[in-house]
């Protein structure tokens, strides 16, 4: 059985790293939304799981506890969607070479 060429392996690792950098740039631009309370609270996050926008229906502002609960639910909904989107994007590039969940953990997501 022939040993894999170390030079070829290093080249593949470098190419994978470059592709992952491209994915990270793309994830900053891709957005997903989450909402709660039938749309009374809406949030938008990017693929790097950063909150970009928060909209609260003014009619619910007199109930602080409900607003807090709805904001938490909407943010968590959007962050879950962003995590799934990131995994899909990483999987496209990695082609099975890298576990997307491991990579996201290493990137601090």
Protein backbone atom coordinates (compact mmCIF):
# COMPACT_ATOMS: atom_id res chain seq x y z
CA UNK A 1 0.00 0.00 0.00
CA UNK A 2 1.49 3.36 -1.04
CA UNK A 3 1.88 6.15 1.49
CA UNK A 4 0.04 9.37 0.65
CA UNK A 5 2.26 12.15 -0.63
CA UNK A 6 2.78 14.62 2.23
CA UNK A 7 3.10 17.52 -0.20
CA UNK A 8 -0.26 16.70 -1.76
CA UNK A 9 -1.87 16.41 1.66
CA UNK A 10 -0.49 19.79 2.74
CA UNK A 11 -1.76 21.35 -0.49
CA UNK A 12 -5.25 19.93 0.15
CA UNK A 13 -5.21 21.25 3.72
CA UNK A 14 -4.19 24.69 2.49
CA UNK A 15 -6.94 24.68 -0.15
CA UNK A 16 -9.50 23.61 2.47
CA UNK A 17 -8.37 26.47 4.72
CA UNK A 18 -8.76 28.97 1.90
CA UNK A 19 -12.24 27.64 1.14
CA UNK A 20 -13.21 27.94 4.82
CA UNK A 21 -12.09 31.59 4.83
CA UNK A 22 -14.35 32.17 1.83
CA UNK A 23 -17.24 30.48 3.65
CA UNK A 24 -16.69 32.72 6.68
CA UNK A 25 -16.91 35.81 4.46
CA UNK A 26 -20.10 34.47 2.87
CA UNK A 27 -21.67 33.73 6.26
CA UNK A 28 -21.25 37.36 7.27
CA UNK A 29 -23.39 38.37 4.29
CA UNK A 30 -26.08 35.68 4.55
CA UNK A 31 -29.00 36.45 6.87
CA UNK A 32 -31.88 34.59 8.44
CA UNK A 33 -34.82 35.86 10.47
CA UNK A 34 -36.69 34.63 13.49
CA UNK A 35 -39.89 35.80 15.06
CA UNK A 36 -42.10 35.20 18.06
CA UNK A 37 -45.56 36.15 19.18
CA UNK A 38 -47.02 35.91 15.72
CA UNK A 39 -44.55 38.46 14.38
CA UNK A 40 -44.74 40.90 17.30
CA UNK A 41 -40.97 40.49 17.72
CA UNK A 42 -38.71 39.94 14.71
CA UNK A 43 -34.94 39.57 14.56
CA UNK A 44 -32.39 39.16 11.80
CA UNK A 45 -29.02 37.49 12.31
CA UNK A 46 -26.19 36.72 9.93
CA UNK A 47 -24.55 33.37 9.28
CA UNK A 48 -21.91 34.15 11.89
CA UNK A 49 -24.74 34.33 14.42
CA UNK A 50 -24.56 38.07 14.99
CA UNK A 51 -27.77 39.95 15.74
CA UNK A 52 -28.26 42.56 13.01
CA UNK A 53 -31.80 43.82 13.54
CA UNK A 54 -34.49 43.74 16.23
CA UNK A 55 -38.06 44.92 15.66
CA UNK A 56 -40.69 45.07 18.41
CA UNK A 57 -44.34 45.89 17.77
CA UNK A 58 -45.00 49.10 19.77
CA UNK A 59 -48.37 47.75 20.89
CA UNK A 60 -46.72 45.22 23.22
CA UNK A 61 -44.29 47.63 24.87
CA UNK A 62 -46.44 48.00 28.01
CA UNK A 63 -45.77 44.37 29.01
CA UNK A 64 -42.01 44.19 29.66
CA UNK A 65 -42.02 40.55 30.75
CA UNK A 66 -43.80 39.44 27.58
CA UNK A 67 -41.43 41.53 25.43
CA UNK A 68 -38.42 39.92 27.10
CA UNK A 69 -39.81 36.42 26.57
CA UNK A 70 -40.63 37.13 22.93
CA UNK A 71 -37.22 38.67 22.24
CA UNK A 72 -35.49 35.62 23.70
CA UNK A 73 -37.67 33.26 21.66
CA UNK A 74 -37.15 35.19 18.42
CA UNK A 75 -33.38 35.48 18.89
CA UNK A 76 -33.02 31.80 19.71
CA UNK A 77 -35.15 30.90 16.68
CA UNK A 78 -32.96 32.98 14.38
CA UNK A 79 -29.69 31.72 15.91
CA UNK A 80 -30.79 28.13 15.41
CA UNK A 81 -31.57 28.87 11.76
CA UNK A 82 -28.20 30.63 11.36
CA UNK A 83 -26.38 27.63 12.82
CA UNK A 84 -28.11 25.29 10.42
CA UNK A 85 -27.33 27.59 7.50
CA UNK A 86 -23.66 27.74 8.53
CA UNK A 87 -23.45 23.96 8.72
CA UNK A 88 -24.95 23.66 5.24
CA UNK A 89 -22.50 26.18 3.77
CA UNK A 90 -19.52 24.52 5.43
CA UNK A 91 -20.67 21.09 4.27
CA UNK A 92 -20.87 22.33 0.67
CA UNK A 93 -17.26 23.44 0.75
CA UNK A 94 -15.82 20.70 2.95
CA UNK A 95 -17.22 17.86 0.87
CA UNK A 96 -17.22 15.51 3.86
CA UNK A 97 -13.58 16.23 4.79
CA UNK A 98 -14.49 18.36 7.81
CA UNK A 99 -17.22 17.96 10.42
CA UNK A 100 -19.13 21.30 10.29
CA UNK A 101 -20.03 21.17 14.00
CA UNK A 102 -16.39 20.74 14.99
CA UNK A 103 -15.39 23.66 12.77
CA UNK A 104 -18.11 25.92 14.19
CA UNK A 105 -16.96 25.09 17.73
CA UNK A 106 -13.38 25.98 16.78
CA UNK A 107 -14.54 29.26 15.25
CA UNK A 108 -16.31 30.22 18.46
CA UNK A 109 -19.85 29.86 17.17
